[in-house]
Amino acid sequence: MLTTHRTGDLRRVSARLHTEFSALPQRSVERCVTDTYKCAEHLGYDATPGLVERLAREHLQAIVKSEPPSATRARHGAGLS
């Protein structure tokens, strides 16, 4: 469970990463940060805001890079009659 002092830290991490990954929905970025925090804690790591931010950034970069080009065109309306 998130402790009170960590909640504010995670919100700031989410805000920074949402600015960096503005193409992704804010809720997806928040979920990634929360999941990263919980996973690090579960594995026994000291889930500092810096660690969580670095790991979540790597995951978000993978999400962005794995999107097929056709999804980008469809989102922008290209190819629609």
C-alpha atoms as a PDB file:
ATOM      1  CA  MET A   1       0.000   0.000   0.000  1.00  0.00           C
ATOM      2  CA  LEU A   2       1.219   3.508  -0.785  1.00  0.00           C
ATOM      3  CA  THR A   3       2.243   5.467   2.252  1.00  0.00           C
ATOM      4  CA  THR A   4       1.217   9.091   2.624  1.00  0.00           C
ATOM      5  CA  HIS A   5       4.697  10.539   2.098  1.00  0.00           C
ATOM      6  CA  ARG A   6       5.160   8.492  -1.075  1.00  0.00           C
ATOM      7  CA  THR A   7       1.824   9.495  -2.604  1.00  0.00           C
ATOM      8  CA  GLY A   8       2.960  13.088  -3.190  1.00  0.00           C
ATOM      9  CA  ASP A   9       6.265  11.890  -4.620  1.00  0.00           C
ATOM     10  CA  LEU A  10       4.497   9.543  -7.026  1.00  0.00           C
ATOM     11  CA  ARG A  11       2.144  12.307  -8.145  1.00  0.00           C
ATOM     12  CA  ARG A  12       5.132  14.489  -9.014  1.00  0.00           C
ATOM     13  CA  VAL A  13       6.769  11.596 -10.877  1.00  0.00           C
ATOM     14  CA  SER A  14       3.514  10.986 -12.781  1.00  0.00           C
ATOM     15  CA  ALA A  15       3.236  14.667 -13.682  1.00  0.00           C
ATOM     16  CA  ARG A  16       6.818  14.795 -15.016  1.00  0.00           C
ATOM     17  CA  LEU A  17       6.384  11.619 -17.029  1.00  0.00           C
ATOM     18  CA  HIS A  18       3.015  12.709 -18.407  1.00  0.00           C
ATOM     19  CA  THR A  19       4.684  15.881 -19.684  1.00  0.00           C
ATOM     20  CA  GLU A  20       7.373  13.761 -21.324  1.00  0.00           C
ATOM     21  CA  PHE A  21       4.885  11.208 -22.729  1.00  0.00           C
ATOM     22  CA  SER A  22       1.986  13.509 -23.555  1.00  0.00           C
ATOM     23  CA  ALA A  23       0.875  11.199 -26.379  1.00  0.00           C
ATOM     24  CA  LEU A  24      -0.216   8.667 -23.759  1.00  0.00           C
ATOM     25  CA  PRO A  25      -3.323   9.136 -21.610  1.00  0.00           C
ATOM     26  CA  GLN A  26      -2.573  10.589 -18.181  1.00  0.00           C
ATOM     27  CA  ARG A  27      -4.278   7.638 -16.506  1.00  0.00           C
ATOM     28  CA  SER A  28      -1.944   5.213 -18.305  1.00  0.00           C
ATOM     29  CA  VAL A  29       1.114   7.100 -17.070  1.00  0.00           C
ATOM     30  CA  GLU A  30      -0.252   7.190 -13.508  1.00  0.00           C
ATOM     31  CA  ARG A  31      -0.984   3.477 -13.633  1.00  0.00           C
ATOM     32  CA  CYS A  32       2.525   2.727 -14.895  1.00  0.00           C
ATOM     33  CA  VAL A  33       4.091   4.741 -12.056  1.00  0.00           C
ATOM     34  CA  THR A  34       1.895   3.066  -9.437  1.00  0.00           C
ATOM     35  CA  ASP A  35       2.555  -0.409 -10.841  1.00  0.00           C
ATOM     36  CA  THR A  36       6.294   0.274 -10.973  1.00  0.00           C
ATOM     37  CA  TYR A  37       6.284   1.398  -7.342  1.00  0.00           C
ATOM     38  CA  LYS A  38       4.356  -1.665  -6.199  1.00  0.00           C
ATOM     39  CA  CYS A  39       6.556  -4.034  -8.218  1.00  0.00           C
ATOM     40  CA  ALA A  40       9.775  -2.553  -6.812  1.00  0.00           C
ATOM     41  CA  GLU A  41       8.420  -2.800  -3.262  1.00  0.00           C
ATOM     42  CA  HIS A  42       7.286  -6.379  -3.871  1.00  0.00           C
ATOM     43  CA  LEU A  43      10.758  -7.331  -5.079  1.00  0.00           C
ATOM     44  CA  GLY A  44      12.301  -5.817  -1.953  1.00  0.00           C
ATOM     45  CA  TYR A  45      13.853  -2.703  -3.473  1.00  0.00           C
ATOM     46  CA  ASP A  46      13.796   0.697  -1.796  1.00  0.00           C
ATOM     47  CA  ALA A  47      11.276   2.248  -4.176  1.00  0.00           C
ATOM     48  CA  THR A  48      12.631   5.783  -4.167  1.00  0.00           C
ATOM     49  CA  PRO A  49      10.982   8.338  -6.460  1.00  0.00           C
ATOM     50  CA  GLY A  50      14.140   8.363  -8.605  1.00  0.00           C
ATOM     51  CA  LEU A  51      14.125   4.594  -9.077  1.00  0.00           C
ATOM     52  CA  VAL A  52      10.408   4.532  -9.837  1.00  0.00           C
ATOM     53  CA  GLU A  53      10.771   7.362 -12.350  1.00  0.00           C
ATOM     54  CA  ARG A  54      13.653   5.677 -14.196  1.00  0.00           C
ATOM     55  CA  LEU A  55      11.910   2.306 -14.392  1.00  0.00           C
ATOM     56  CA  ALA A  56       8.546   3.784 -15.384  1.00  0.00           C
ATOM     57  CA  ARG A  57      10.228   5.925 -18.067  1.00  0.00           C
ATOM     58  CA  GLU A  58      11.802   2.813 -19.593  1.00  0.00           C
ATOM     59  CA  HIS A  59       8.438   1.060 -19.636  1.00  0.00           C
ATOM     60  CA  LEU A  60       6.658   4.071 -21.168  1.00  0.00           C
ATOM     61  CA  GLN A  61       9.345   4.384 -23.851  1.00  0.00           C
ATOM     62  CA  ALA A  62       8.793   0.731 -24.723  1.00  0.00           C
ATOM     63  CA  ILE A  63       5.042   1.333 -25.009  1.00  0.00           C
ATOM     64  CA  VAL A  64       5.535   4.316 -27.329  1.00  0.00           C
ATOM     65  CA  LYS A  65       8.126   2.542 -29.491  1.00  0.00           C
ATOM     66  CA  SER A  66       6.060  -0.630 -29.785  1.00  0.00           C
ATOM     67  CA  GLU A  67       3.013   1.100 -31.278  1.00  0.00           C
ATOM     68  CA  PRO A  68       2.715   0.162 -34.948  1.00  0.00           C
ATOM     69  CA  PRO A  69       2.838   3.022 -37.479  1.00  0.00           C
ATOM     70  CA  SER A  70      -0.694   2.170 -38.645  1.00  0.00           C
ATOM     71  CA  ALA A  71      -2.067   3.077 -35.197  1.00  0.00           C
ATOM     72  CA  THR A  72      -0.545   6.553 -35.447  1.00  0.00           C
ATOM     73  CA  ARG A  73      -2.042   7.135 -38.896  1.00  0.00           C
ATOM     74  CA  ALA A  74      -5.467   5.908 -37.788  1.00  0.00           C
ATOM     75  CA  ARG A  75      -5.404   8.180 -34.740  1.00  0.00           C
ATOM     76  CA  HIS A  76      -4.671  11.217 -36.913  1.00  0.00           C
ATOM     77  CA  GLY A  77      -7.315  10.314 -39.477  1.00  0.00           C
ATOM     78  CA  ALA A  78      -4.956   9.443 -42.349  1.00  0.00           C
ATOM     79  CA  GLY A  79      -6.302   6.988 -44.826  1.00  0.00           C
ATOM     80  CA  LEU A  80      -9.945   7.525 -43.862  1.00  0.00           C
ATOM     81  CA  SER A  81     -12.370   8.170 -46.670  1.00  0.00           C
END
